Amino acid sequence: MTEEQKELFRKAVLRVLDANRTRYGLGLSAVGHLLTQFGFGQAKSEELAEAVDYLERKGLVIEVMKSVNRSNRAWRIEEAGIAYLDEGR
């Protein structure tokens, strides 16, 4: 992906998480499935993991802690991520 495509991909991930503002968040497979509405087709799990890690480092998303099954990771959007989308950057 080009840098522009990566930026659009990350914004699409944020939009997916923004549409699901529950405290439970979404896993990578659910986010990947919902990205199709933004024209990204079926995203590779490596690309999704990279995008989510980037957004987490920037403080835009946070991992939801799962106490029973740690391997079933999920993320939700943070207030900073909501503000970022609202500003329309």
N, C-alpha and C. Protein backbone atom coordinates (compact mmCIF):
# COMPACT_ATOMS: atom_id res chain seq x y z
N MET A 1 0.83 -1.19 0.00
CA MET A 1 0.00 0.00 0.00
C MET A 1 0.87 1.25 0.00
N THR A 2 0.42 2.25 -0.70
CA THR A 2 1.11 3.54 -0.66
C THR A 2 0.78 4.22 0.66
N GLU A 3 1.49 5.28 0.98
CA GLU A 3 1.23 6.01 2.21
C GLU A 3 -0.19 6.60 2.23
N GLU A 4 -0.64 7.06 1.08
CA GLU A 4 -2.01 7.59 0.99
C GLU A 4 -3.05 6.50 1.23
N GLN A 5 -2.81 5.33 0.67
CA GLN A 5 -3.72 4.20 0.88
C GLN A 5 -3.73 3.77 2.35
N LYS A 6 -2.55 3.77 2.99
CA LYS A 6 -2.47 3.42 4.41
C LYS A 6 -3.28 4.39 5.25
N GLU A 7 -3.18 5.68 4.92
CA GLU A 7 -3.93 6.69 5.66
C GLU A 7 -5.44 6.47 5.50
N LEU A 8 -5.88 6.22 4.28
CA LEU A 8 -7.30 5.96 4.04
C LEU A 8 -7.75 4.69 4.74
N PHE A 9 -6.90 3.67 4.74
CA PHE A 9 -7.20 2.40 5.40
C PHE A 9 -7.36 2.61 6.90
N ARG A 10 -6.45 3.36 7.51
CA ARG A 10 -6.52 3.63 8.95
C ARG A 10 -7.77 4.43 9.31
N LYS A 11 -8.11 5.40 8.47
CA LYS A 11 -9.33 6.17 8.71
C LYS A 11 -10.57 5.28 8.60
N ALA A 12 -10.54 4.35 7.67
CA ALA A 12 -11.67 3.42 7.53
C ALA A 12 -11.78 2.54 8.76
N VAL A 13 -10.66 2.09 9.31
CA VAL A 13 -10.69 1.30 10.55
C VAL A 13 -11.29 2.13 11.67
N LEU A 14 -10.90 3.39 11.78
CA LEU A 14 -11.47 4.28 12.79
C LEU A 14 -12.98 4.44 12.60
N ARG A 15 -13.40 4.58 11.36
CA ARG A 15 -14.85 4.74 11.09
C ARG A 15 -15.64 3.49 11.47
N VAL A 16 -15.05 2.33 11.23
CA VAL A 16 -15.70 1.08 11.62
C VAL A 16 -15.85 1.03 13.15
N LEU A 17 -14.78 1.36 13.86
CA LEU A 17 -14.83 1.34 15.32
C LEU A 17 -15.74 2.44 15.86
N ASP A 18 -15.81 3.56 15.16
CA ASP A 18 -16.69 4.65 15.57
C ASP A 18 -18.16 4.25 15.45
N ALA A 19 -18.47 3.45 14.45
CA ALA A 19 -19.85 3.00 14.26
C ALA A 19 -20.27 1.99 15.34
N ASN A 20 -19.29 1.42 16.03
CA ASN A 20 -19.56 0.43 17.08
C ASN A 20 -18.98 0.94 18.40
N ARG A 21 -19.63 1.89 19.00
CA ARG A 21 -19.11 2.51 20.21
C ARG A 21 -19.49 1.76 21.49
N THR A 22 -19.49 0.45 21.42
CA THR A 22 -19.77 -0.33 22.62
C THR A 22 -18.48 -0.48 23.43
N ARG A 23 -18.61 -0.84 24.66
CA ARG A 23 -17.42 -1.04 25.50
C ARG A 23 -16.71 -2.33 25.16
N TYR A 24 -17.36 -3.21 24.39
CA TYR A 24 -16.79 -4.50 24.05
C TYR A 24 -15.85 -4.45 22.84
N GLY A 25 -15.98 -3.44 22.01
CA GLY A 25 -15.12 -3.29 20.85
C GLY A 25 -15.35 -4.34 19.78
N LEU A 26 -14.44 -4.39 18.84
CA LEU A 26 -14.50 -5.33 17.72
C LEU A 26 -13.15 -6.01 17.54
N GLY A 27 -13.19 -7.26 17.13
CA GLY A 27 -11.97 -8.00 16.80
C GLY A 27 -11.52 -7.70 15.39
N LEU A 28 -10.33 -8.17 15.04
CA LEU A 28 -9.78 -7.91 13.71
C LEU A 28 -10.64 -8.48 12.60
N SER A 29 -11.17 -9.67 12.79
CA SER A 29 -11.98 -10.27 11.70
C SER A 29 -13.25 -9.46 11.45
N ALA A 30 -13.87 -8.97 12.52
CA ALA A 30 -15.07 -8.15 12.36
C ALA A 30 -14.74 -6.82 11.68
N VAL A 31 -13.65 -6.19 12.10
CA VAL A 31 -13.23 -4.93 11.47
C VAL A 31 -12.94 -5.17 9.99
N GLY A 32 -12.22 -6.24 9.69
CA GLY A 32 -11.90 -6.56 8.30
C GLY A 32 -13.13 -6.78 7.46
N HIS A 33 -14.11 -7.45 8.02
CA HIS A 33 -15.36 -7.69 7.29
C HIS A 33 -16.10 -6.37 7.01
N LEU A 34 -16.11 -5.48 7.99
CA LEU A 34 -16.85 -4.23 7.85
C LEU A 34 -16.12 -3.19 7.00
N LEU A 35 -14.85 -3.40 6.74
CA LEU A 35 -14.09 -2.46 5.90
C LEU A 35 -14.53 -2.49 4.44
N THR A 36 -15.23 -3.54 4.05
CA THR A 36 -15.66 -3.63 2.65
C THR A 36 -16.57 -2.48 2.26
N GLN A 37 -17.30 -1.92 3.21
CA GLN A 37 -18.18 -0.79 2.90
C GLN A 37 -17.39 0.47 2.54
N PHE A 38 -16.09 0.46 2.84
CA PHE A 38 -15.23 1.60 2.49
C PHE A 38 -14.35 1.29 1.28
N GLY A 39 -14.65 0.19 0.59
CA GLY A 39 -13.96 -0.12 -0.65
C GLY A 39 -12.64 -0.85 -0.50
N PHE A 40 -12.39 -1.48 0.63
CA PHE A 40 -11.11 -2.15 0.83
C PHE A 40 -11.14 -3.65 0.63
N GLY A 41 -12.25 -4.21 0.26
CA GLY A 41 -12.29 -5.65 0.05
C GLY A 41 -11.92 -6.39 1.32
N GLN A 42 -11.47 -7.62 1.18
CA GLN A 42 -11.07 -8.40 2.34
C GLN A 42 -9.63 -8.07 2.68
N ALA A 43 -9.42 -7.38 3.77
CA ALA A 43 -8.08 -6.97 4.17
C ALA A 43 -7.32 -8.14 4.78
N LYS A 44 -6.01 -8.14 4.58
CA LYS A 44 -5.16 -9.17 5.18
C LYS A 44 -5.05 -8.90 6.68
N SER A 45 -4.94 -9.97 7.45
CA SER A 45 -4.87 -9.81 8.91
C SER A 45 -3.62 -9.04 9.33
N GLU A 46 -2.52 -9.18 8.59
CA GLU A 46 -1.30 -8.45 8.91
C GLU A 46 -1.50 -6.94 8.73
N GLU A 47 -2.19 -6.57 7.65
CA GLU A 47 -2.46 -5.15 7.39
C GLU A 47 -3.37 -4.57 8.47
N LEU A 48 -4.36 -5.33 8.87
CA LEU A 48 -5.28 -4.88 9.91
C LEU A 48 -4.56 -4.72 11.24
N ALA A 49 -3.75 -5.72 11.59
CA ALA A 49 -3.01 -5.67 12.85
C ALA A 49 -2.06 -4.47 12.86
N GLU A 50 -1.41 -4.20 11.75
CA GLU A 50 -0.51 -3.06 11.64
C GLU A 50 -1.27 -1.74 11.80
N ALA A 51 -2.42 -1.63 11.17
CA ALA A 51 -3.22 -0.42 11.26
C ALA A 51 -3.73 -0.19 12.67
N VAL A 52 -4.22 -1.25 13.31
CA VAL A 52 -4.73 -1.12 14.68
C VAL A 52 -3.60 -0.78 15.64
N ASP A 53 -2.44 -1.41 15.48
CA ASP A 53 -1.29 -1.09 16.34
C ASP A 53 -0.88 0.37 16.18
N TYR A 54 -0.87 0.85 14.93
CA TYR A 54 -0.53 2.25 14.67
C TYR A 54 -1.53 3.18 15.37
N LEU A 55 -2.81 2.90 15.21
CA LEU A 55 -3.85 3.74 15.81
C LEU A 55 -3.79 3.68 17.34
N GLU A 56 -3.41 2.53 17.87
CA GLU A 56 -3.27 2.39 19.32
C GLU A 56 -2.09 3.22 19.83
N ARG A 57 -0.97 3.18 19.11
CA ARG A 57 0.20 3.99 19.50
C ARG A 57 -0.11 5.48 19.46
N LYS A 58 -0.98 5.89 18.54
CA LYS A 58 -1.36 7.30 18.42
C LYS A 58 -2.43 7.70 19.45
N GLY A 59 -2.95 6.74 20.22
CA GLY A 59 -3.95 7.02 21.23
C GLY A 59 -5.36 7.20 20.69
N LEU A 60 -5.61 6.70 19.49
CA LEU A 60 -6.92 6.85 18.86
C LEU A 60 -7.84 5.67 19.14
N VAL A 61 -7.26 4.50 19.41
CA VAL A 61 -8.03 3.31 19.80
C VAL A 61 -7.37 2.68 21.01
N ILE A 62 -8.13 1.84 21.70
CA ILE A 62 -7.60 1.14 22.87
C ILE A 62 -8.05 -0.31 22.82
N GLU A 63 -7.16 -1.18 23.28
CA GLU A 63 -7.53 -2.59 23.34
C GLU A 63 -8.46 -2.82 24.52
N VAL A 64 -9.50 -3.58 24.27
CA VAL A 64 -10.44 -3.96 25.32
C VAL A 64 -9.91 -5.23 25.94
N MET A 65 -9.72 -5.20 27.24
CA MET A 65 -9.15 -6.36 27.92
C MET A 65 -10.18 -7.47 28.04
N LYS A 66 -9.78 -8.63 27.62
CA LYS A 66 -10.62 -9.82 27.73
C LYS A 66 -10.04 -10.68 28.85
N SER A 67 -10.82 -10.92 29.87
CA SER A 67 -10.30 -11.68 31.00
C SER A 67 -10.37 -13.18 30.79
N VAL A 68 -11.27 -13.66 29.95
CA VAL A 68 -11.43 -15.09 29.76
C VAL A 68 -10.51 -15.63 28.66
N ASN A 69 -10.55 -15.01 27.50
CA ASN A 69 -9.79 -15.51 26.36
C ASN A 69 -8.93 -14.40 25.79
N ARG A 70 -7.69 -14.32 26.20
CA ARG A 70 -6.78 -13.25 25.78
C ARG A 70 -6.48 -13.29 24.28
N SER A 71 -6.58 -14.44 23.66
CA SER A 71 -6.26 -14.54 22.24
C SER A 71 -7.34 -13.91 21.36
N ASN A 72 -8.51 -13.69 21.89
CA ASN A 72 -9.60 -13.07 21.16
C ASN A 72 -9.58 -11.57 21.44
N ARG A 73 -8.62 -10.88 20.85
CA ARG A 73 -8.40 -9.46 21.11
C ARG A 73 -9.45 -8.59 20.41
N ALA A 74 -9.76 -7.46 21.04
CA ALA A 74 -10.73 -6.52 20.47
C ALA A 74 -10.29 -5.10 20.82
N TRP A 75 -10.74 -4.14 20.00
CA TRP A 75 -10.41 -2.74 20.20
C TRP A 75 -11.66 -1.89 20.10
N ARG A 76 -11.60 -0.73 20.73
CA ARG A 76 -12.67 0.25 20.60
C ARG A 76 -12.03 1.62 20.39
N ILE A 77 -12.81 2.53 19.86
CA ILE A 77 -12.31 3.87 19.57
C ILE A 77 -12.24 4.68 20.87
N GLU A 78 -11.23 5.52 20.98
CA GLU A 78 -11.06 6.42 22.11
C GLU A 78 -11.66 7.79 21.77
N GLU A 79 -11.80 8.63 22.77
CA GLU A 79 -12.31 9.99 22.55
C GLU A 79 -11.44 10.75 21.55
N ALA A 80 -10.13 10.53 21.60
CA ALA A 80 -9.22 11.20 20.65
C ALA A 80 -9.51 10.75 19.22
N GLY A 81 -9.86 9.49 19.04
CA GLY A 81 -10.20 9.00 17.71
C GLY A 81 -11.49 9.58 17.20
N ILE A 82 -12.47 9.72 18.09
CA ILE A 82 -13.74 10.34 17.73
C ILE A 82 -13.52 11.80 17.33
N ALA A 83 -12.71 12.50 18.12
CA ALA A 83 -12.39 13.91 17.82
C ALA A 83 -11.67 14.03 16.49
N TYR A 84 -10.76 13.10 16.24
CA TYR A 84 -10.00 13.11 14.97
C TYR A 84 -10.95 12.99 13.78
N LEU A 85 -11.91 12.06 13.86
CA LEU A 85 -12.87 11.91 12.76
C LEU A 85 -13.80 13.11 12.66
N ASP A 86 -14.20 13.67 13.81
CA ASP A 86 -15.09 14.83 13.80
C ASP A 86 -14.42 16.06 13.17
N GLU A 87 -13.10 16.17 13.33
CA GLU A 87 -12.38 17.31 12.76
C GLU A 87 -12.23 17.18 11.24
N GLY A 88 -12.43 15.95 10.73
CA GLY A 88 -12.40 15.73 9.29
C GLY A 88 -11.02 15.85 8.69
N ARG A 89 -10.01 15.50 9.42
CA ARG A 89 -8.64 15.59 8.91
C ARG A 89 -8.40 14.67 7.76
